[in-house]
Protein backbone atom coordinates (compact mmCIF):
# COMPACT_ATOMS: atom_id res chain seq x y z
CA MET A 1 55.65 -8.38 -113.91
CA VAL A 2 53.07 -5.70 -114.52
CA HIS A 3 49.57 -6.47 -113.21
CA GLY A 4 50.25 -10.22 -113.36
CA MET A 5 51.45 -10.10 -116.95
CA LEU A 6 55.05 -10.39 -118.09
CA LYS A 7 56.12 -7.43 -120.21
CA THR A 8 59.38 -7.06 -122.06
CA ASP A 9 60.10 -3.81 -123.88
CA GLY A 10 56.42 -2.87 -123.57
CA VAL A 11 55.24 -6.12 -125.21
CA ASN A 12 52.85 -8.32 -123.27
CA ILE A 13 54.46 -11.76 -123.56
CA ASP A 14 51.47 -13.51 -121.93
CA ALA A 15 49.11 -12.18 -124.61
CA MET A 16 51.58 -13.11 -127.36
CA ALA A 17 51.95 -16.63 -125.95
CA LYS A 18 48.18 -17.03 -125.80
CA GLU A 19 47.80 -15.94 -129.43
CA LEU A 20 50.68 -18.17 -130.58
CA ALA A 21 49.22 -21.15 -128.69
CA VAL A 22 46.20 -20.90 -130.98
CA ALA A 23 47.93 -19.74 -134.17
CA MET A 24 50.82 -22.22 -134.39
CA PRO A 25 48.78 -25.46 -134.26
CA ARG A 26 46.31 -23.94 -136.74
CA LEU A 27 49.20 -23.00 -139.03
CA ALA A 28 50.69 -26.49 -138.81
CA ARG A 29 47.30 -28.08 -139.60
CA LYS A 30 46.68 -25.81 -142.59
CA ILE A 31 50.14 -26.45 -144.04
CA SER A 32 50.00 -30.24 -143.68
CA PHE A 33 46.25 -30.76 -144.25
CA ASP A 34 46.48 -31.61 -147.98
CA PHE A 35 49.14 -34.20 -147.33
CA PHE A 36 47.32 -35.90 -144.46
CA LYS A 37 44.14 -35.87 -146.51
CA SER A 38 45.90 -37.78 -149.31
CA ILE A 39 47.35 -40.62 -147.20
CA ASN A 40 46.01 -43.08 -144.69
CA ILE A 41 48.72 -42.85 -142.05
CA PRO A 42 47.93 -41.51 -138.56
CA HIS A 43 49.77 -38.41 -137.35
CA ALA A 44 51.63 -40.30 -134.60
CA GLN A 45 53.09 -42.64 -137.20
CA ILE A 46 54.14 -39.72 -139.42
CA PHE A 47 55.80 -37.99 -136.45
CA THR A 48 57.63 -41.23 -135.64
CA MET A 49 58.83 -41.50 -139.24
CA LEU A 50 60.02 -37.88 -139.11
CA ILE A 51 62.10 -38.70 -136.02
CA LEU A 52 63.63 -41.65 -137.87
CA CYS A 53 64.36 -39.43 -140.85
CA GLU A 54 66.27 -36.99 -138.62
CA LYS A 55 68.20 -39.63 -136.67
CA ASP A 56 68.54 -42.42 -139.25
CA LEU A 57 68.55 -45.23 -136.66
CA CYS A 58 66.63 -45.11 -133.39
CA ARG A 59 65.67 -47.36 -130.57
CA ILE A 60 62.08 -47.46 -129.42
CA SER A 61 63.19 -45.70 -126.23
CA ASP A 62 64.50 -42.77 -128.34
CA ILE A 63 61.12 -42.46 -130.08
CA ARG A 64 59.29 -42.74 -126.76
CA GLN A 65 61.37 -39.92 -125.30
CA GLU A 66 61.10 -37.69 -128.37
CA LEU A 67 57.30 -38.03 -128.57
CA ASP A 68 56.87 -38.12 -124.78
CA ILE A 69 54.75 -41.27 -124.88
CA ARG A 70 54.71 -44.56 -122.96
CA ALA A 71 56.94 -47.41 -124.16
CA SER A 72 53.90 -49.55 -124.96
CA THR A 73 52.46 -46.77 -127.15
CA ALA A 74 55.77 -46.37 -128.99
CA SER A 75 55.97 -50.14 -129.52
CA GLY A 76 52.44 -50.18 -130.92
CA ILE A 77 53.25 -47.36 -133.35
CA ILE A 78 56.40 -49.16 -134.50
CA ASP A 79 54.51 -52.47 -134.86
CA ARG A 80 51.96 -50.81 -137.15
CA LEU A 81 54.68 -49.08 -139.18
CA VAL A 82 56.56 -52.37 -139.60
CA LYS A 83 53.34 -54.12 -140.65
CA SER A 84 52.61 -51.38 -143.24
CA GLY A 85 56.19 -51.57 -144.55
CA HIS A 86 57.21 -48.01 -143.65
CA VAL A 87 59.91 -48.98 -141.11
CA LYS A 88 62.00 -52.02 -140.30
CA ARG A 89 63.60 -53.43 -137.18
CA LEU A 90 67.34 -54.04 -137.25
CA VAL A 91 69.12 -56.15 -134.64
CA ASP A 92 72.37 -54.50 -133.50
CA LYS A 93 75.37 -56.50 -134.72
CA ASN A 94 77.29 -55.88 -131.48
CA ASP A 95 74.43 -56.51 -129.06
CA ARG A 96 71.56 -58.73 -130.18
CA ARG A 97 69.40 -57.41 -127.33
CA VAL A 98 69.38 -53.97 -128.98
CA VAL A 99 66.84 -53.42 -131.74
CA ASN A 100 67.10 -50.31 -133.89
CA ILE A 101 64.34 -48.91 -136.05
CA SER A 102 64.95 -47.52 -139.53
CA LEU A 103 62.86 -46.17 -142.40
CA THR A 104 62.28 -48.37 -145.43
CA ALA A 105 62.25 -47.03 -148.99
CA LYS A 106 58.44 -46.89 -148.72
CA GLY A 107 58.69 -44.78 -145.56
CA GLU A 108 61.24 -42.49 -147.21
CA ARG A 109 58.88 -41.97 -150.19
CA VAL A 110 56.05 -40.94 -147.85
CA LEU A 111 58.29 -38.39 -146.13
CA THR A 112 59.56 -37.07 -149.47
CA LYS A 113 55.95 -36.48 -150.51
CA LEU A 114 55.22 -34.78 -147.17
CA LYS A 115 58.20 -32.47 -147.54
CA GLU A 116 57.20 -31.58 -151.11
CA VAL A 117 53.66 -30.67 -150.02
CA ILE A 118 54.93 -28.59 -147.11
CA GLU A 119 57.55 -26.84 -149.25
CA PHE A 120 54.90 -25.98 -151.84
CA LYS A 121 52.66 -24.53 -149.12
CA TRP A 122 55.55 -22.47 -147.72
CA ILE A 123 56.42 -21.14 -151.18
CA ASN A 124 52.84 -19.93 -151.54
CA ILE A 125 52.88 -18.32 -148.10
CA LEU A 126 56.35 -16.76 -148.35
CA SER A 127 55.70 -15.39 -151.84
CA LYS A 128 53.06 -13.12 -150.29
CA LEU A 129 55.59 -11.55 -147.91
CA SER A 130 58.27 -8.97 -148.62
CA ASN A 131 61.91 -10.07 -148.77
CA GLU A 132 62.51 -8.31 -145.46
CA ASP A 133 59.56 -10.08 -143.78
CA ARG A 134 60.73 -13.45 -145.16
CA MET A 135 64.24 -12.97 -143.78
CA ASN A 136 62.93 -11.72 -140.43
CA TYR A 137 60.64 -14.75 -140.17
CA LEU A 138 63.44 -17.17 -141.05
CA ASN A 139 65.81 -15.56 -138.56
CA ILE A 140 63.22 -15.76 -135.79
CA ILE A 141 62.48 -19.42 -136.59
CA ARG A 142 66.22 -20.18 -136.46
CA LYS A 143 66.50 -18.46 -133.07
CA ILE A 144 63.52 -20.40 -131.72
CA GLN A 145 65.03 -23.67 -132.98
CA ARG A 146 68.26 -22.90 -131.11
CA ILE A 147 66.31 -22.08 -127.94
CA ILE A 148 64.33 -25.32 -127.96
CA SER A 149 67.19 -27.58 -129.10
């Protein structure tokens, strides 16, 4: 610590963290804005569908943990997604008390569209960077993903 601020190799990590805390949400909003503007699905429902896309089958408790929300909130999100036809409930064949949640074809189409919009945005952004900057950025993102996994 130097004067209350963490420094590593002469870089003020506190200042970097403060800047990233503002920049990263702004970046995420700008990249996904066009998609969210074109659909009528709340962010929490999209995030839930993204979890289901990654894990294929989930229980409500898995979604609750992943989003760090109350069980009643997760149940409400799932209820609305079932009603809109984006997800379905599946009773476990081995234990009828267990209910899994899965994407429907409609939910998968929404996520395909989301990914296409985001990929297009990233192509536009990355095309403005040098090859070296693109590779550095990708390597850093991969490292961060490993750290937070």
